[in-house]
Protein backbone atom coordinates (compact mmCIF):
# COMPACT_ATOMS: atom_id res chain seq x y z
CA UNK A 1 0.00 0.00 0.00
CA UNK A 2 1.32 3.40 -0.90
CA UNK A 3 1.72 6.36 1.41
CA UNK A 4 -1.14 8.11 -0.38
CA UNK A 5 -3.46 5.12 0.19
CA UNK A 6 -2.50 4.91 3.86
CA UNK A 7 -3.19 8.63 4.28
CA UNK A 8 -6.68 8.23 2.79
CA UNK A 9 -7.47 5.25 5.03
CA UNK A 10 -6.25 7.16 8.09
CA UNK A 11 -8.35 10.20 7.14
CA UNK A 12 -11.48 8.03 6.74
CA UNK A 13 -10.90 6.39 10.13
CA UNK A 14 -10.42 9.77 11.84
CA UNK A 15 -13.58 11.17 10.21
CA UNK A 16 -15.61 8.12 11.29
CA UNK A 17 -14.34 8.41 14.87
CA UNK A 18 -15.15 12.13 14.97
CA UNK A 19 -18.68 11.68 13.60
CA UNK A 20 -19.47 8.96 16.16
CA UNK A 21 -18.66 11.41 18.95
CA UNK A 22 -21.23 14.01 17.82
CA UNK A 23 -24.63 13.98 19.51
CA UNK A 24 -27.28 12.95 16.97
CA UNK A 25 -30.13 14.95 18.46
CA UNK A 26 -29.70 18.47 19.74
CA UNK A 27 -32.43 18.33 22.38
CA UNK A 28 -31.98 14.74 23.43
CA UNK A 29 -34.12 11.75 22.63
CA UNK A 30 -37.56 12.80 23.68
CA UNK A 31 -40.51 10.58 22.82
CA UNK A 32 -42.87 13.49 22.19
CA UNK A 33 -42.20 15.70 19.20
CA UNK A 34 -43.75 19.13 19.44
CA UNK A 35 -45.88 20.54 22.26
CA UNK A 36 -48.54 17.79 22.30
CA UNK A 37 -52.33 17.99 22.51
CA UNK A 38 -54.06 20.06 25.19
CA UNK A 39 -56.65 17.48 26.22
CA UNK A 40 -57.92 13.96 25.60
CA UNK A 41 -61.36 12.56 26.44
CA UNK A 42 -61.06 10.89 29.81
CA UNK A 43 -63.27 8.00 28.64
CA UNK A 44 -60.69 7.14 25.93
CA UNK A 45 -57.70 6.93 28.30
CA UNK A 46 -56.41 3.43 29.00
CA UNK A 47 -52.99 4.17 30.50
CA UNK A 48 -50.94 7.22 31.50
CA UNK A 49 -47.13 7.36 31.46
CA UNK A 50 -45.24 10.28 32.91
CA UNK A 51 -41.60 10.56 31.93
CA UNK A 52 -39.65 13.06 33.98
CA UNK A 53 -36.59 14.95 32.65
CA UNK A 54 -33.42 12.89 32.22
CA UNK A 55 -30.02 13.33 30.61
CA UNK A 56 -31.52 12.24 27.28
CA UNK A 57 -34.57 14.52 27.31
CA UNK A 58 -34.78 17.72 29.34
CA UNK A 59 -38.58 18.02 29.49
CA UNK A 60 -41.44 16.26 31.28
CA UNK A 61 -43.51 14.11 28.93
CA UNK A 62 -47.06 12.89 29.53
CA UNK A 63 -47.93 10.01 27.20
CA UNK A 64 -51.54 8.80 27.04
CA UNK A 65 -52.36 5.34 25.68
CA UNK A 66 -55.86 5.30 24.21
CA UNK A 67 -58.38 2.47 24.40
CA UNK A 68 -59.35 0.29 21.45
CA UNK A 69 -55.89 0.39 19.85
CA UNK A 70 -56.15 4.04 18.80
CA UNK A 71 -52.50 4.58 19.64
CA UNK A 72 -50.77 7.04 21.89
CA UNK A 73 -50.93 10.80 22.28
CA UNK A 74 -48.51 13.19 23.89
CA UNK A 75 -50.20 15.60 26.24
CA UNK A 76 -48.84 19.10 26.61
CA UNK A 77 -47.39 19.06 30.17
CA UNK A 78 -48.43 22.71 30.63
CA UNK A 79 -52.12 22.03 29.91
CA UNK A 80 -54.71 21.86 32.70
CA UNK A 81 -55.44 18.19 32.08
CA UNK A 82 -51.77 17.19 32.15
CA UNK A 83 -51.14 19.16 35.36
CA UNK A 84 -54.11 17.42 37.00
CA UNK A 85 -52.86 13.99 35.88
CA UNK A 86 -49.32 14.67 37.12
CA UNK A 87 -50.66 15.88 40.48
CA UNK A 88 -52.90 12.79 40.80
CA UNK A 89 -50.01 10.40 40.01
CA UNK A 90 -47.71 12.17 42.47
CA UNK A 91 -50.37 11.95 45.18
CA UNK A 92 -50.89 8.26 44.43
CA UNK A 93 -47.14 7.50 44.60
CA UNK A 94 -46.53 9.32 47.89
PDB file of N, CA and C in Angstrom:
ATOM      1  N   UNK A   1       0.846  -1.176   0.000  1.00  0.00           N
ATOM      2  CA  UNK A   1       0.000   0.000   0.000  1.00  0.00           C
ATOM      3  C   UNK A   1       0.892   1.240   0.000  1.00  0.00           C
ATOM      4  N   UNK A   2       0.507   2.192  -0.778  1.00  0.00           N
ATOM      5  CA  UNK A   2       1.321   3.398  -0.903  1.00  0.00           C
ATOM      6  C   UNK A   2       1.035   4.354   0.251  1.00  0.00           C
ATOM      7  N   UNK A   3       1.879   5.345   0.357  1.00  0.00           N
ATOM      8  CA  UNK A   3       1.725   6.362   1.405  1.00  0.00           C
ATOM      9  C   UNK A   3       0.423   7.130   1.192  1.00  0.00           C
ATOM     10  N   UNK A   4       0.090   7.383  -0.064  1.00  0.00           N
ATOM     11  CA  UNK A   4      -1.136   8.109  -0.378  1.00  0.00           C
ATOM     12  C   UNK A   4      -2.365   7.287   0.048  1.00  0.00           C
ATOM     13  N   UNK A   5      -2.359   6.000  -0.200  1.00  0.00           N
ATOM     14  CA  UNK A   5      -3.463   5.119   0.188  1.00  0.00           C
ATOM     15  C   UNK A   5      -3.607   5.040   1.698  1.00  0.00           C
ATOM     16  N   UNK A   6      -2.475   4.971   2.396  1.00  0.00           N
ATOM     17  CA  UNK A   6      -2.502   4.911   3.856  1.00  0.00           C
ATOM     18  C   UNK A   6      -3.043   6.211   4.439  1.00  0.00           C
ATOM     19  N   UNK A   7      -2.700   7.330   3.818  1.00  0.00           N
ATOM     20  CA  UNK A   7      -3.189   8.630   4.285  1.00  0.00           C
ATOM     21  C   UNK A   7      -4.706   8.715   4.123  1.00  0.00           C
ATOM     22  N   UNK A   8      -5.226   8.207   3.025  1.00  0.00           N
ATOM     23  CA  UNK A   8      -6.676   8.229   2.788  1.00  0.00           C
ATOM     24  C   UNK A   8      -7.393   7.342   3.807  1.00  0.00           C
ATOM     25  N   UNK A   9      -6.865   6.152   4.056  1.00  0.00           N
ATOM     26  CA  UNK A   9      -7.468   5.247   5.034  1.00  0.00           C
ATOM     27  C   UNK A   9      -7.451   5.882   6.422  1.00  0.00           C
ATOM     28  N   UNK A  10      -6.358   6.500   6.797  1.00  0.00           N
ATOM     29  CA  UNK A  10      -6.248   7.164   8.091  1.00  0.00           C
ATOM     30  C   UNK A  10      -7.255   8.313   8.209  1.00  0.00           C
ATOM     31  N   UNK A  11      -7.403   9.094   7.138  1.00  0.00           N
ATOM     32  CA  UNK A  11      -8.352  10.204   7.141  1.00  0.00           C
ATOM     33  C   UNK A  11      -9.786   9.697   7.304  1.00  0.00           C
ATOM     34  N   UNK A  12     -10.129   8.600   6.626  1.00  0.00           N
ATOM     35  CA  UNK A  12     -11.477   8.031   6.735  1.00  0.00           C
ATOM     36  C   UNK A  12     -11.725   7.543   8.163  1.00  0.00           C
ATOM     37  N   UNK A  13     -10.753   6.893   8.765  1.00  0.00           N
ATOM     38  CA  UNK A  13     -10.899   6.395  10.131  1.00  0.00           C
ATOM     39  C   UNK A  13     -11.082   7.550  11.110  1.00  0.00           C
ATOM     40  N   UNK A  14     -10.294   8.610  10.954  1.00  0.00           N
ATOM     41  CA  UNK A  14     -10.421   9.770  11.837  1.00  0.00           C
ATOM     42  C   UNK A  14     -11.777  10.446  11.679  1.00  0.00           C
ATOM     43  N   UNK A  15     -12.264  10.564  10.445  1.00  0.00           N
ATOM     44  CA  UNK A  15     -13.582  11.173  10.212  1.00  0.00           C
ATOM     45  C   UNK A  15     -14.685  10.330  10.852  1.00  0.00           C
ATOM     46  N   UNK A  16     -14.592   9.012  10.709  1.00  0.00           N
ATOM     47  CA  UNK A  16     -15.606   8.124  11.294  1.00  0.00           C
ATOM     48  C   UNK A  16     -15.603   8.235  12.812  1.00  0.00           C
ATOM     49  N   UNK A  17     -14.439   8.300  13.418  1.00  0.00           N
ATOM     50  CA  UNK A  17     -14.339   8.411  14.875  1.00  0.00           C
ATOM     51  C   UNK A  17     -14.900   9.752  15.352  1.00  0.00           C
ATOM     52  N   UNK A  18     -14.660  10.806  14.601  1.00  0.00           N
ATOM     53  CA  UNK A  18     -15.153  12.133  14.971  1.00  0.00           C
ATOM     54  C   UNK A  18     -16.669  12.191  14.859  1.00  0.00           C
ATOM     55  N   UNK A  19     -17.235  11.642  13.803  1.00  0.00           N
ATOM     56  CA  UNK A  19     -18.679  11.677  13.598  1.00  0.00           C
ATOM     57  C   UNK A  19     -19.386  10.868  14.674  1.00  0.00           C
ATOM     58  N   UNK A  20     -18.837   9.763  15.124  1.00  0.00           N
ATOM     59  CA  UNK A  20     -19.466   8.964  16.162  1.00  0.00           C
ATOM     60  C   UNK A  20     -19.542   9.711  17.486  1.00  0.00           C
ATOM     61  N   UNK A  21     -18.668  10.647  17.708  1.00  0.00           N
ATOM     62  CA  UNK A  21     -18.660  11.409  18.949  1.00  0.00           C
ATOM     63  C   UNK A  21     -19.679  12.526  18.992  1.00  0.00           C
ATOM     64  N   UNK A  22     -20.256  12.925  17.859  1.00  0.00           N
ATOM     65  CA  UNK A  22     -21.229  14.011  17.820  1.00  0.00           C
ATOM     66  C   UNK A  22     -22.577  13.533  18.328  1.00  0.00           C
ATOM     67  N   UNK A  23     -23.278  14.355  19.109  1.00  0.00           N
ATOM     68  CA  UNK A  23     -24.634  13.977  19.509  1.00  0.00           C
ATOM     69  C   UNK A  23     -25.556  14.033  18.291  1.00  0.00           C
ATOM     70  N   UNK A  24     -26.402  13.027  18.142  1.00  0.00           N
ATOM     71  CA  UNK A  24     -27.278  12.953  16.969  1.00  0.00           C
ATOM     72  C   UNK A  24     -28.461  13.915  17.073  1.00  0.00           C
ATOM     73  N   UNK A  25     -28.970  14.113  18.281  1.00  0.00           N
ATOM     74  CA  UNK A  25     -30.135  14.946  18.458  1.00  0.00           C
ATOM     75  C   UNK A  25     -29.776  16.090  19.395  1.00  0.00           C
ATOM     76  N   UNK A  26     -30.080  17.289  18.970  1.00  0.00           N
ATOM     77  CA  UNK A  26     -29.702  18.470  19.740  1.00  0.00           C
ATOM     78  C   UNK A  26     -30.385  18.511  21.099  1.00  0.00           C
ATOM     79  N   UNK A  27     -31.679  18.225  21.146  1.00  0.00           N
ATOM     80  CA  UNK A  27     -32.426  18.334  22.382  1.00  0.00           C
ATOM     81  C   UNK A  27     -32.547  17.034  23.152  1.00  0.00           C
ATOM     82  N   UNK A  28     -31.861  16.022  22.764  1.00  0.00           N
ATOM     83  CA  UNK A  28     -31.985  14.739  23.427  1.00  0.00           C
ATOM     84  C   UNK A  28     -32.945  13.845  22.684  1.00  0.00           C
ATOM     85  N   UNK A  29     -33.242  12.719  23.281  1.00  0.00           N
ATOM     86  CA  UNK A  29     -34.119  11.748  22.633  1.00  0.00           C
ATOM     87  C   UNK A  29     -35.461  11.724  23.330  1.00  0.00           C
ATOM     88  N   UNK A  30     -36.230  12.720  23.100  1.00  0.00           N
ATOM     89  CA  UNK A  30     -37.564  12.804  23.677  1.00  0.00           C
ATOM     90  C   UNK A  30     -38.527  11.957  22.852  1.00  0.00           C
ATOM     91  N   UNK A  31     -39.524  11.393  23.516  1.00  0.00           N
ATOM     92  CA  UNK A  31     -40.514  10.583  22.820  1.00  0.00           C
ATOM     93  C   UNK A  31     -41.566  11.454  22.141  1.00  0.00           C
ATOM     94  N   UNK A  32     -41.862  12.592  22.739  1.00  0.00           N
ATOM     95  CA  UNK A  32     -42.872  13.487  22.186  1.00  0.00           C
ATOM     96  C   UNK A  32     -42.201  14.552  21.318  1.00  0.00           C
ATOM     97  N   UNK A  33     -42.702  14.680  20.107  1.00  0.00           N
ATOM     98  CA  UNK A  33     -42.197  15.705  19.196  1.00  0.00           C
ATOM     99  C   UNK A  33     -43.243  16.817  19.160  1.00  0.00           C
ATOM    100  N   UNK A  34     -42.823  18.012  19.416  1.00  0.00           N
ATOM    101  CA  UNK A  34     -43.754  19.134  19.435  1.00  0.00           C
ATOM    102  C   UNK A  34     -44.388  19.288  20.807  1.00  0.00           C
ATOM    103  N   UNK A  35     -45.306  20.233  20.946  1.00  0.00           N
ATOM    104  CA  UNK A  35     -45.880  20.541  22.260  1.00  0.00           C
ATOM    105  C   UNK A  35     -46.880  19.493  22.764  1.00  0.00           C
ATOM    106  N   UNK A  36     -47.543  18.768  21.893  1.00  0.00           N
ATOM    107  CA  UNK A  36     -48.543  17.787  22.301  1.00  0.00           C
ATOM    108  C   UNK A  36     -49.937  18.384  22.320  1.00  0.00           C
ATOM    109  N   UNK A  37     -50.934  17.530  22.495  1.00  0.00           N
ATOM    110  CA  UNK A  37     -52.327  17.985  22.509  1.00  0.00           C
ATOM    111  C   UNK A  37     -52.659  18.557  23.883  1.00  0.00           C
ATOM    112  N   UNK A  38     -53.691  19.415  23.925  1.00  0.00           N
ATOM    113  CA  UNK A  38     -54.060  20.056  25.185  1.00  0.00           C
ATOM    114  C   UNK A  38     -54.918  19.155  26.059  1.00  0.00           C
ATOM    115  N   UNK A  39     -55.758  18.332  25.434  1.00  0.00           N
ATOM    116  CA  UNK A  39     -56.652  17.484  26.225  1.00  0.00           C
ATOM    117  C   UNK A  39     -57.050  16.246  25.426  1.00  0.00           C
ATOM    118  N   UNK A  40     -57.437  15.210  26.166  1.00  0.00           N
ATOM    119  CA  UNK A  40     -57.915  13.956  25.601  1.00  0.00           C
ATOM    120  C   UNK A  40     -59.168  13.582  26.388  1.00  0.00           C
ATOM    121  N   UNK A  41     -60.170  12.990  25.721  1.00  0.00           N
ATOM    122  CA  UNK A  41     -61.363  12.557  26.435  1.00  0.00           C
ATOM    123  C   UNK A  41     -60.968  11.531  27.491  1.00  0.00           C
ATOM    124  N   UNK A  42     -61.409  11.766  28.698  1.00  0.00           N
ATOM    125  CA  UNK A  42     -61.058  10.890  29.811  1.00  0.00           C
ATOM    126  C   UNK A  42     -61.562   9.465  29.561  1.00  0.00           C
ATOM    127  N   UNK A  43     -62.706   9.320  28.912  1.00  0.00           N
ATOM    128  CA  UNK A  43     -63.267   7.998  28.638  1.00  0.00           C
ATOM    129  C   UNK A  43     -62.387   7.181  27.696  1.00  0.00           C
ATOM    130  N   UNK A  44     -61.552   7.836  26.894  1.00  0.00           N
ATOM    131  CA  UNK A  44     -60.690   7.140  25.928  1.00  0.00           C
ATOM    132  C   UNK A  44     -59.333   6.749  26.502  1.00  0.00           C
ATOM    133  N   UNK A  45     -59.015   7.179  27.722  1.00  0.00           N
ATOM    134  CA  UNK A  45     -57.696   6.926  28.299  1.00  0.00           C
ATOM    135  C   UNK A  45     -57.645   5.517  28.883  1.00  0.00           C
ATOM    136  N   UNK A  46     -56.643   4.762  28.438  1.00  0.00           N
ATOM    137  CA  UNK A  46     -56.410   3.429  28.996  1.00  0.00           C
ATOM    138  C   UNK A  46     -55.266   3.449  29.999  1.00  0.00           C
ATOM    139  N   UNK A  47     -54.187   4.170  29.663  1.00  0.00           N
ATOM    140  CA  UNK A  47     -52.993   4.173  30.504  1.00  0.00           C
ATOM    141  C   UNK A  47     -52.305   5.530  30.389  1.00  0.00           C
ATOM    142  N   UNK A  48     -51.673   5.963  31.478  1.00  0.00           N
ATOM    143  CA  UNK A  48     -50.935   7.223  31.501  1.00  0.00           C
ATOM    144  C   UNK A  48     -49.492   6.935  31.896  1.00  0.00           C
ATOM    145  N   UNK A  49     -48.549   7.473  31.129  1.00  0.00           N
ATOM    146  CA  UNK A  49     -47.127   7.356  31.457  1.00  0.00           C
ATOM    147  C   UNK A  49     -46.554   8.757  31.589  1.00  0.00           C
ATOM    148  N   UNK A  50     -45.897   8.994  32.703  1.00  0.00           N
ATOM    149  CA  UNK A  50     -45.235  10.283  32.906  1.00  0.00           C
ATOM    150  C   UNK A  50     -43.741  10.018  32.909  1.00  0.00           C
ATOM    151  N   UNK A  51     -43.042  10.702  32.034  1.00  0.00           N
ATOM    152  CA  UNK A  51     -41.595  10.555  31.935  1.00  0.00           C
ATOM    153  C   UNK A  51     -40.975  11.889  32.342  1.00  0.00           C
ATOM    154  N   UNK A  52     -40.256  11.849  33.445  1.00  0.00           N
ATOM    155  CA  UNK A  52     -39.647  13.063  33.984  1.00  0.00           C
ATOM    156  C   UNK A  52     -38.333  13.358  33.261  1.00  0.00           C
ATOM    157  N   UNK A  53     -37.828  14.583  33.346  1.00  0.00           N
ATOM    158  CA  UNK A  53     -36.588  14.951  32.650  1.00  0.00           C
ATOM    159  C   UNK A  53     -35.406  14.052  33.034  1.00  0.00           C
ATOM    160  N   UNK A  54     -34.616  13.711  32.026  1.00  0.00           N
ATOM    161  CA  UNK A  54     -33.422  12.894  32.218  1.00  0.00           C
ATOM    162  C   UNK A  54     -32.271  13.523  31.447  1.00  0.00           C
ATOM    163  N   UNK A  55     -31.155  12.843  31.404  1.00  0.00           N
ATOM    164  CA  UNK A  55     -30.021  13.327  30.608  1.00  0.00           C
ATOM    165  C   UNK A  55     -30.344  13.308  29.116  1.00  0.00           C
ATOM    166  N   UNK A  56     -31.198  12.372  28.697  1.00  0.00           N
ATOM    167  CA  UNK A  56     -31.524  12.244  27.276  1.00  0.00           C
ATOM    168  C   UNK A  56     -32.568  13.251  26.810  1.00  0.00           C
ATOM    169  N   UNK A  57     -33.497  13.587  27.667  1.00  0.00           N
ATOM    170  CA  UNK A  57     -34.571  14.525  27.306  1.00  0.00           C
ATOM    171  C   UNK A  57     -34.795  15.455  28.488  1.00  0.00           C
ATOM    172  N   UNK A  58     -34.729  16.749  28.250  1.00  0.00           N
ATOM    173  CA  UNK A  58     -34.780  17.722  29.341  1.00  0.00           C
ATOM    174  C   UNK A  58     -36.179  18.239  29.650  1.00  0.00           C
ATOM    175  N   UNK A  59     -37.233  17.555  29.197  1.00  0.00           N
ATOM    176  CA  UNK A  59     -38.583  18.019  29.489  1.00  0.00           C
ATOM    177  C   UNK A  59     -39.438  16.874  30.033  1.00  0.00           C
ATOM    178  N   UNK A  60     -40.483  17.236  30.772  1.00  0.00           N
ATOM    179  CA  UNK A  60     -41.439  16.261  31.279  1.00  0.00           C
ATOM    180  C   UNK A  60     -42.381  15.888  30.149  1.00  0.00           C
ATOM    181  N   UNK A  61     -42.627  14.579  29.993  1.00  0.00           N
ATOM    182  CA  UNK A  61     -43.513  14.108  28.934  1.00  0.00           C
ATOM    183  C   UNK A  61     -44.660  13.322  29.553  1.00  0.00           C
ATOM    184  N   UNK A  62     -45.874  13.605  29.089  1.00  0.00           N
ATOM    185  CA  UNK A  62     -47.063  12.886  29.534  1.00  0.00           C
ATOM    186  C   UNK A  62     -47.595  12.152  28.305  1.00  0.00           C
ATOM    187  N   UNK A  63     -47.515  10.822  28.347  1.00  0.00           N
ATOM    188  CA  UNK A  63     -47.933  10.007  27.204  1.00  0.00           C
ATOM    189  C   UNK A  63     -49.196   9.245  27.593  1.00  0.00           C
ATOM    190  N   UNK A  64     -50.242   9.424  26.804  1.00  0.00           N
ATOM    191  CA  UNK A  64     -51.540   8.799  27.044  1.00  0.00           C
ATOM    192  C   UNK A  64     -51.713   7.664  26.041  1.00  0.00           C
ATOM    193  N   UNK A  65     -52.012   6.460  26.543  1.00  0.00           N
ATOM    194  CA  UNK A  65     -52.355   5.342  25.675  1.00  0.00           C
ATOM    195  C   UNK A  65     -53.873   5.285  25.612  1.00  0.00           C
ATOM    196  N   UNK A  66     -54.410   5.279  24.399  1.00  0.00           N
ATOM    197  CA  UNK A  66     -55.857   5.303  24.213  1.00  0.00           C
ATOM    198  C   UNK A  66     -56.428   3.892  24.112  1.00  0.00           C
ATOM    199  N   UNK A  67     -57.695   3.760  24.484  1.00  0.00           N
ATOM    200  CA  UNK A  67     -58.381   2.471  24.405  1.00  0.00           C
ATOM    201  C   UNK A  67     -58.623   2.085  22.949  1.00  0.00           C
ATOM    202  N   UNK A  68     -58.997   0.871  22.749  1.00  0.00           N
ATOM    203  CA  UNK A  68     -59.348   0.286  21.449  1.00  0.00           C
ATOM    204  C   UNK A  68     -58.281   0.514  20.381  1.00  0.00           C
ATOM    205  N   UNK A  69     -57.030   0.358  20.778  1.00  0.00           N
ATOM    206  CA  UNK A  69     -55.893   0.389  19.849  1.00  0.00           C
ATOM    207  C   UNK A  69     -55.849   1.645  18.982  1.00  0.00           C
ATOM    208  N   UNK A  70     -56.216   2.778  19.549  1.00  0.00           N
ATOM    209  CA  UNK A  70     -56.155   4.041  18.805  1.00  0.00           C
ATOM    210  C   UNK A  70     -54.801   4.711  18.919  1.00  0.00           C
ATOM    211  N   UNK A  71     -53.857   4.052  19.582  1.00  0.00           N
ATOM    212  CA  UNK A  71     -52.496   4.575  19.644  1.00  0.00           C
ATOM    213  C   UNK A  71     -52.214   5.372  20.896  1.00  0.00           C
ATOM    214  N   UNK A  72     -51.206   6.224  20.773  1.00  0.00           N
ATOM    215  CA  UNK A  72     -50.772   7.045  21.895  1.00  0.00           C
ATOM    216  C   UNK A  72     -50.795   8.512  21.499  1.00  0.00           C
ATOM    217  N   UNK A  73     -50.964   9.359  22.486  1.00  0.00           N
ATOM    218  CA  UNK A  73     -50.934  10.802  22.280  1.00  0.00           C
ATOM    219  C   UNK A  73     -50.017  11.406  23.338  1.00  0.00           C
ATOM    220  N   UNK A  74     -49.311  12.424  22.945  1.00  0.00           N
ATOM    221  CA  UNK A  74     -48.512  13.188  23.893  1.00  0.00           C
ATOM    222  C   UNK A  74     -49.348  14.367  24.356  1.00  0.00           C
ATOM    223  N   UNK A  75     -49.438  14.513  25.647  1.00  0.00           N
ATOM    224  CA  UNK A  75     -50.203  15.599  26.239  1.00  0.00           C
ATOM    225  C   UNK A  75     -49.246  16.733  26.564  1.00  0.00           C
ATOM    226  N   UNK A  76     -49.659  17.946  26.278  1.00  0.00           N
ATOM    227  CA  UNK A  76     -48.841  19.102  26.608  1.00  0.00           C
ATOM    228  C   UNK A  76     -48.738  19.194  28.129  1.00  0.00           C
ATOM    229  N   UNK A  77     -47.527  19.073  28.708  1.00  0.00           N
ATOM    230  CA  UNK A  77     -47.394  19.061  30.165  1.00  0.00           C
ATOM    231  C   UNK A  77     -47.810  20.370  30.836  1.00  0.00           C
ATOM    232  N   UNK A  78     -48.009  21.420  30.064  1.00  0.00           N
ATOM    233  CA  UNK A  78     -48.426  22.706  30.627  1.00  0.00           C
ATOM    234  C   UNK A  78     -49.943  22.881  30.594  1.00  0.00           C
ATOM    235  N   UNK A  79     -50.667  21.925  29.987  1.00  0.00           N
ATOM    236  CA  UNK A  79     -52.124  22.030  29.907  1.00  0.00           C
ATOM    237  C   UNK A  79     -52.756  21.678  31.254  1.00  0.00           C
ATOM    238  N   UNK A  80     -54.006  22.113  31.444  1.00  0.00           N
ATOM    239  CA  UNK A  80     -54.708  21.864  32.702  1.00  0.00           C
ATOM    240  C   UNK A  80     -54.854  20.369  32.960  1.00  0.00           C
ATOM    241  N   UNK A  81     -55.224  19.621  31.918  1.00  0.00           N
ATOM    242  CA  UNK A  81     -55.436  18.189  32.081  1.00  0.00           C
ATOM    243  C   UNK A  81     -54.138  17.472  32.473  1.00  0.00           C
ATOM    244  N   UNK A  82     -53.053  17.830  31.837  1.00  0.00           N
ATOM    245  CA  UNK A  82     -51.770  17.190  32.151  1.00  0.00           C
ATOM    246  C   UNK A  82     -51.336  17.526  33.573  1.00  0.00           C
ATOM    247  N   UNK A  83     -51.506  18.772  33.989  1.00  0.00           N
ATOM    248  CA  UNK A  83     -51.141  19.156  35.357  1.00  0.00           C
ATOM    249  C   UNK A  83     -51.959  18.374  36.376  1.00  0.00           C
ATOM    250  N   UNK A  84     -53.249  18.178  36.096  1.00  0.00           N
ATOM    251  CA  UNK A  84     -54.111  17.419  37.003  1.00  0.00           C
ATOM    252  C   UNK A  84     -53.670  15.953  37.056  1.00  0.00           C
ATOM    253  N   UNK A  85     -53.308  15.390  35.923  1.00  0.00           N
ATOM    254  CA  UNK A  85     -52.859  13.989  35.878  1.00  0.00           C
ATOM    255  C   UNK A  85     -51.551  13.833  36.642  1.00  0.00           C
ATOM    256  N   UNK A  86     -50.609  14.734  36.422  1.00  0.00           N
ATOM    257  CA  UNK A  86     -49.320  14.670  37.121  1.00  0.00           C
ATOM    258  C   UNK A  86     -49.530  14.769  38.629  1.00  0.00           C
ATOM    259  N   UNK A  87     -50.395  15.707  39.052  1.00  0.00           N
ATOM    260  CA  UNK A  87     -50.665  15.883  40.478  1.00  0.00           C
ATOM    261  C   UNK A  87     -51.289  14.616  41.066  1.00  0.00           C
ATOM    262  N   UNK A  88     -52.212  13.999  40.328  1.00  0.00           N
ATOM    263  CA  UNK A  88     -52.895  12.786  40.801  1.00  0.00           C
ATOM    264  C   UNK A  88     -51.898  11.629  40.927  1.00  0.00           C
ATOM    265  N   UNK A  89     -51.015  11.477  39.956  1.00  0.00           N
ATOM    266  CA  UNK A  89     -50.006  10.403  40.005  1.00  0.00           C
ATOM    267  C   UNK A  89     -49.035  10.632  41.154  1.00  0.00           C
ATOM    268  N   UNK A  90     -48.621  11.865  41.365  1.00  0.00           N
ATOM    269  CA  UNK A  90     -47.710  12.172  42.466  1.00  0.00           C
ATOM    270  C   UNK A  90     -48.356  11.881  43.812  1.00  0.00           C
ATOM    271  N   UNK A  91     -49.645  12.225  43.950  1.00  0.00           N
ATOM    272  CA  UNK A  91     -50.374  11.954  45.182  1.00  0.00           C
ATOM    273  C   UNK A  91     -50.486  10.439  45.420  1.00  0.00           C
ATOM    274  N   UNK A  92     -50.733   9.708  44.344  1.00  0.00           N
ATOM    275  CA  UNK A  92     -50.887   8.258  44.433  1.00  0.00           C
ATOM    276  C   UNK A  92     -49.567   7.581  44.831  1.00  0.00           C
ATOM    277  N   UNK A  93     -48.442   8.093  44.330  1.00  0.00           N
ATOM    278  CA  UNK A  93     -47.143   7.498  44.600  1.00  0.00           C
ATOM    279  C   UNK A  93     -46.575   7.861  45.971  1.00  0.00           C
ATOM    280  N   UNK A  94     -47.090   8.922  46.586  1.00  0.00           N
ATOM    281  CA  UNK A  94     -46.526   9.322  47.893  1.00  0.00           C
ATOM    282  C   UNK A  94     -47.406   8.922  49.045  1.00  0.00           C
TER     283      UNK A  94
END
